[in-house]
N, C-alpha and C. Protein backbone atom coordinates (compact mmCIF):
# COMPACT_ATOMS: atom_id res chain seq x y z
N MET A 1 88.99 121.88 86.93
CA MET A 1 88.27 122.44 86.06
C MET A 1 88.34 121.52 84.85
N ILE A 2 87.68 120.80 84.18
CA ILE A 2 87.57 119.79 83.24
C ILE A 2 86.67 120.56 81.98
N THR A 3 87.20 120.42 81.09
CA THR A 3 86.52 121.71 79.76
C THR A 3 86.16 120.44 78.52
N GLY A 4 85.16 121.18 78.11
CA GLY A 4 84.37 120.46 76.49
C GLY A 4 85.91 119.71 75.92
N PRO A 5 86.75 120.75 75.58
CA PRO A 5 87.80 120.40 74.73
C PRO A 5 88.59 119.38 75.30
N GLN A 6 89.09 119.04 76.82
CA GLN A 6 89.40 118.02 77.22
C GLN A 6 88.63 116.74 77.09
N ILE A 7 87.30 116.73 77.06
CA ILE A 7 86.86 115.63 76.71
C ILE A 7 87.04 115.31 75.59
N ARG A 8 86.83 116.02 74.33
CA ARG A 8 86.79 115.80 72.91
C ARG A 8 88.20 115.15 72.76
N ALA A 9 89.30 115.53 73.43
CA ALA A 9 90.48 115.11 73.06
C ALA A 9 90.60 113.89 73.71
N ALA A 10 90.29 113.53 74.87
CA ALA A 10 90.30 111.97 75.41
C ALA A 10 89.63 111.03 74.29
N ARG A 11 88.67 111.93 73.82
CA ARG A 11 88.01 110.76 73.09
C ARG A 11 88.74 110.36 71.77
N ALA A 12 89.40 111.43 71.14
CA ALA A 12 90.17 111.51 70.18
C ALA A 12 91.43 110.38 70.31
N LEU A 13 91.87 110.57 71.74
CA LEU A 13 93.09 109.57 71.90
C LEU A 13 92.95 108.53 71.90
N LEU A 14 91.26 107.88 72.79
CA LEU A 14 91.01 106.67 72.63
C LEU A 14 90.23 106.15 71.08
N GLY A 15 90.16 107.13 70.63
CA GLY A 15 89.49 106.94 69.20
C GLY A 15 87.88 106.12 69.39
N ILE A 16 87.42 106.73 70.30
CA ILE A 16 85.86 106.68 70.61
C ILE A 16 85.10 107.83 70.26
N ASP A 17 83.61 107.71 69.80
CA ASP A 17 82.81 108.69 69.37
C ASP A 17 81.97 109.02 70.57
N GLN A 18 80.90 109.88 70.50
CA GLN A 18 80.31 110.54 71.74
C GLN A 18 79.50 109.36 72.34
N ARG A 19 78.80 108.44 71.46
CA ARG A 19 77.89 107.40 71.63
C ARG A 19 78.93 106.23 72.73
N GLU A 20 79.88 106.13 72.34
CA GLU A 20 80.52 104.90 72.77
C GLU A 20 81.14 105.71 74.46
N LEU A 21 81.58 106.97 74.26
CA LEU A 21 81.81 107.37 75.84
C LEU A 21 80.60 107.39 76.81
N ALA A 22 79.31 107.74 76.11
CA ALA A 22 78.18 107.59 76.76
C ALA A 22 77.79 106.48 77.38
N ARG A 23 78.27 105.29 76.52
CA ARG A 23 77.97 103.79 76.83
C ARG A 23 78.96 103.80 78.17
N LEU A 24 80.04 103.95 77.99
CA LEU A 24 80.97 103.70 79.00
C LEU A 24 80.67 104.26 80.25
N SER A 25 80.14 105.24 80.33
CA SER A 25 80.22 106.41 81.25
C SER A 25 78.27 106.03 82.06
N GLY A 26 77.89 105.49 80.99
CA GLY A 26 76.25 104.90 81.64
C GLY A 26 75.68 106.37 81.45
N LEU A 27 75.84 107.18 80.64
CA LEU A 27 75.12 108.55 80.53
C LEU A 27 74.49 108.46 79.11
N SER A 28 73.63 110.01 78.38
CA SER A 28 72.86 109.78 77.51
C SER A 28 74.06 110.25 76.32
N THR A 29 73.83 110.11 75.12
CA THR A 29 74.91 110.83 74.37
C THR A 29 74.53 112.51 74.36
N GLN A 30 73.30 112.89 74.40
CA GLN A 30 72.89 114.10 74.45
C GLN A 30 73.95 114.91 75.62
N THR A 31 74.09 114.16 76.92
CA THR A 31 74.87 114.73 78.13
C THR A 31 76.00 114.76 77.50
N ILE A 32 76.90 114.01 76.88
CA ILE A 32 78.20 114.23 76.59
C ILE A 32 78.05 115.55 75.52
N GLN A 33 77.55 115.13 74.60
CA GLN A 33 77.30 116.36 73.55
C GLN A 33 77.24 117.71 74.42
N ARG A 34 76.37 117.92 75.21
CA ARG A 34 76.51 119.12 76.06
C ARG A 34 77.68 119.36 77.23
N MET A 35 78.34 118.67 77.46
CA MET A 35 79.57 118.45 78.04
C MET A 35 80.41 119.43 77.11
N GLU A 36 80.62 118.40 75.96
CA GLU A 36 81.79 118.88 74.99
C GLU A 36 81.63 120.42 74.27
N THR A 37 80.38 120.88 74.46
CA THR A 37 80.07 122.19 74.17
C THR A 37 80.77 123.25 75.04
N CYS A 38 80.87 122.85 76.42
CA CYS A 38 81.53 123.76 77.10
C CYS A 38 82.84 124.35 76.72
N GLN A 39 83.40 125.56 76.32
CA GLN A 39 84.41 125.98 76.29
C GLN A 39 85.18 126.16 77.53
N GLY A 40 84.64 126.40 78.69
CA GLY A 40 85.00 126.76 80.03
C GLY A 40 84.79 125.47 81.00
N SER A 41 84.62 125.80 82.05
CA SER A 41 84.41 124.17 82.98
C SER A 41 82.90 123.62 82.08
N VAL A 42 82.98 122.51 82.41
CA VAL A 42 82.12 121.60 81.91
C VAL A 42 80.84 121.86 83.17
N ARG A 43 80.02 122.28 82.87
CA ARG A 43 78.61 122.53 83.78
C ARG A 43 77.48 121.68 83.76
N VAL A 44 77.90 120.57 84.54
CA VAL A 44 76.89 119.57 84.58
C VAL A 44 76.74 119.09 86.27
N VAL A 45 75.78 118.06 86.53
CA VAL A 45 75.78 117.53 87.75
C VAL A 45 77.33 116.77 88.01
N VAL A 46 77.31 117.09 89.19
CA VAL A 46 78.86 116.72 89.38
C VAL A 46 78.99 114.91 89.46
N ASP A 47 77.99 114.18 89.43
CA ASP A 47 77.90 113.08 89.50
C ASP A 47 78.15 112.45 87.96
N SER A 48 77.84 113.15 86.82
CA SER A 48 78.01 112.98 85.68
C SER A 48 79.16 113.26 85.08
N LEU A 49 79.89 114.20 85.52
CA LEU A 49 81.34 114.43 85.62
C LEU A 49 82.52 113.52 85.78
N GLU A 50 81.80 112.94 86.82
CA GLU A 50 82.48 112.12 87.56
C GLU A 50 82.26 110.66 86.71
N LYS A 51 81.46 110.32 86.31
CA LYS A 51 81.41 109.37 85.38
C LYS A 51 82.13 109.41 84.47
N VAL A 52 81.89 110.51 83.91
CA VAL A 52 82.73 110.39 82.23
C VAL A 52 83.93 110.21 82.76
N MET A 53 84.51 110.99 83.99
CA MET A 53 86.08 110.94 84.09
C MET A 53 86.34 109.73 84.66
N THR A 54 85.75 108.89 85.12
CA THR A 54 86.09 107.50 85.35
C THR A 54 86.09 106.78 84.17
N ALA A 55 85.14 106.87 83.53
CA ALA A 55 84.99 106.32 81.97
C ALA A 55 86.42 106.59 81.09
N ILE A 56 86.68 107.91 81.21
CA ILE A 56 87.95 108.24 80.22
C ILE A 56 89.04 107.20 81.20
N SER A 57 89.21 107.31 82.49
CA SER A 57 90.43 107.21 82.95
C SER A 57 90.52 105.30 83.14
N GLY A 58 89.24 104.88 83.12
CA GLY A 58 89.11 103.36 83.08
C GLY A 58 89.35 102.91 81.20
N ALA A 59 89.40 103.99 80.60
CA ALA A 59 90.04 103.45 79.35
C ALA A 59 91.33 103.53 78.83
N GLY A 60 92.16 104.75 79.88
CA GLY A 60 93.52 104.39 79.85
C GLY A 60 94.05 105.92 79.61
N VAL A 61 93.14 107.11 79.70
CA VAL A 61 93.49 108.23 79.26
C VAL A 61 93.45 108.91 80.67
N GLU A 62 94.22 109.73 81.10
CA GLU A 62 94.58 110.99 82.26
C GLU A 62 94.03 112.30 81.75
N LEU A 63 92.70 112.70 82.31
CA LEU A 63 92.55 114.16 82.31
C LEU A 63 92.98 114.86 83.38
N ILE A 64 94.16 115.90 82.92
CA ILE A 64 94.92 116.40 83.50
C ILE A 64 94.44 118.16 84.05
N VAL A 65 93.92 118.05 85.21
CA VAL A 65 93.34 119.43 85.91
C VAL A 65 94.48 120.38 86.40
N GLU A 66 94.19 121.66 85.83
CA GLU A 66 95.17 122.64 86.05
C GLU A 66 95.13 122.98 87.46
N GLY A 67 96.46 123.22 87.66
CA GLY A 67 97.05 123.22 89.04
C GLY A 67 97.42 121.66 89.68
N VAL A 68 96.97 120.78 89.19
CA VAL A 68 97.41 119.56 89.62
C VAL A 68 98.31 118.52 89.23
N PRO A 69 99.19 118.33 89.65
CA PRO A 69 100.53 117.46 89.23
C PRO A 69 99.69 116.05 88.44
N SER A 70 100.40 115.75 87.28
CA SER A 70 99.79 114.42 86.73
C SER A 70 100.39 113.39 87.70
N ILE A 71 99.74 112.25 87.79
CA ILE A 71 99.81 111.12 88.44
C ILE A 71 100.66 110.21 87.61
N GLY A 72 100.37 110.35 86.20
CA GLY A 72 101.43 109.40 85.23
C GLY A 72 102.44 109.68 84.92
N THR A 73 103.18 108.61 84.17
CA THR A 73 104.52 108.67 84.08
C THR A 73 104.89 108.58 82.49
N GLY A 74 103.63 108.58 81.77
CA GLY A 74 103.68 108.44 80.24
C GLY A 74 103.62 109.82 79.59
N ARG A 75 103.95 109.77 78.21
CA ARG A 75 103.54 111.11 77.54
C ARG A 75 102.39 111.55 77.41
N GLY A 76 102.13 112.75 77.56
CA GLY A 76 101.18 113.51 77.59
C GLY A 76 101.20 114.88 76.47
N VAL A 77 99.85 115.68 76.72
CA VAL A 77 100.03 117.14 76.32
C VAL A 77 98.90 117.77 77.09
N ARG A 78 99.43 118.97 76.78
CA ARG A 78 98.73 120.06 78.31
C ARG A 78 98.56 121.20 77.19
N LEU A 79 97.70 122.14 77.43
CA LEU A 79 97.15 123.45 76.61
C LEU A 79 98.42 124.31 77.31
N ILE A 80 98.69 125.24 76.64
CA ILE A 80 99.66 126.40 76.78
C ILE A 80 98.57 127.43 77.31
N ASP A 81 99.12 128.12 78.43
CA ASP A 81 98.17 129.32 78.74
C ASP A 81 98.63 130.45 78.03
N ARG A 82 98.06 130.60 77.04
CA ARG A 82 98.46 131.94 75.93
C ARG A 82 98.48 133.09 76.60
N LYS A 83 97.62 133.49 77.61
CA LYS A 83 97.59 134.68 78.21
C LYS A 83 98.88 134.73 79.43
N ALA A 84 99.10 133.76 80.03
CA ALA A 84 100.02 133.41 80.89
C ALA A 84 101.43 134.06 80.07
N THR A 85 101.61 133.39 78.79
CA THR A 85 102.69 133.75 78.04
C THR A 85 103.03 134.67 77.36
N ASP A 86 101.61 135.30 77.09
CA ASP A 86 101.98 136.79 76.19
C ASP A 86 102.37 137.62 77.35
N SER A 87 101.68 137.70 78.46
CA SER A 87 102.49 138.82 79.38
C SER A 87 103.71 138.44 79.53
N ASP A 88 104.39 137.52 79.64
CA ASP A 88 105.64 136.94 79.93
C ASP A 88 106.47 137.79 79.13
N GLU A 89 106.36 138.02 78.09
CA GLU A 89 107.04 138.47 76.64
C GLU A 89 106.76 139.98 76.59
N GLY A 90 105.92 140.54 77.27
CA GLY A 90 105.99 142.09 77.12
C GLY A 90 107.37 142.77 77.85
C-alpha cells in the first residue's frame, strides 16, 4: 500500500514539485495532486500508480511498502506504526 504522504515525502527527498513528478511519470499534475491527498492507500488506476512508483524509483528513491523488506542498502526512513507501539506499552 502506497500512501499520499509517501509520495509527498519522495518528492521532498528528490527536491521536485508535483509538476515535475507528473512530467517524469507521464501523468497530469491533477493526478499527482489527487494521489497525494490520499491519507490511506492511494486510490487510482493501477497503471498510474506504477508510473509514479517507476518515476520515483528511477530518480533514486525507494518507496518502502508495508510488510515488504527494503531492497536498498542505504539510509532511509520509515513511519512508526503508533497503534502497534501504543498497545505494546499498556
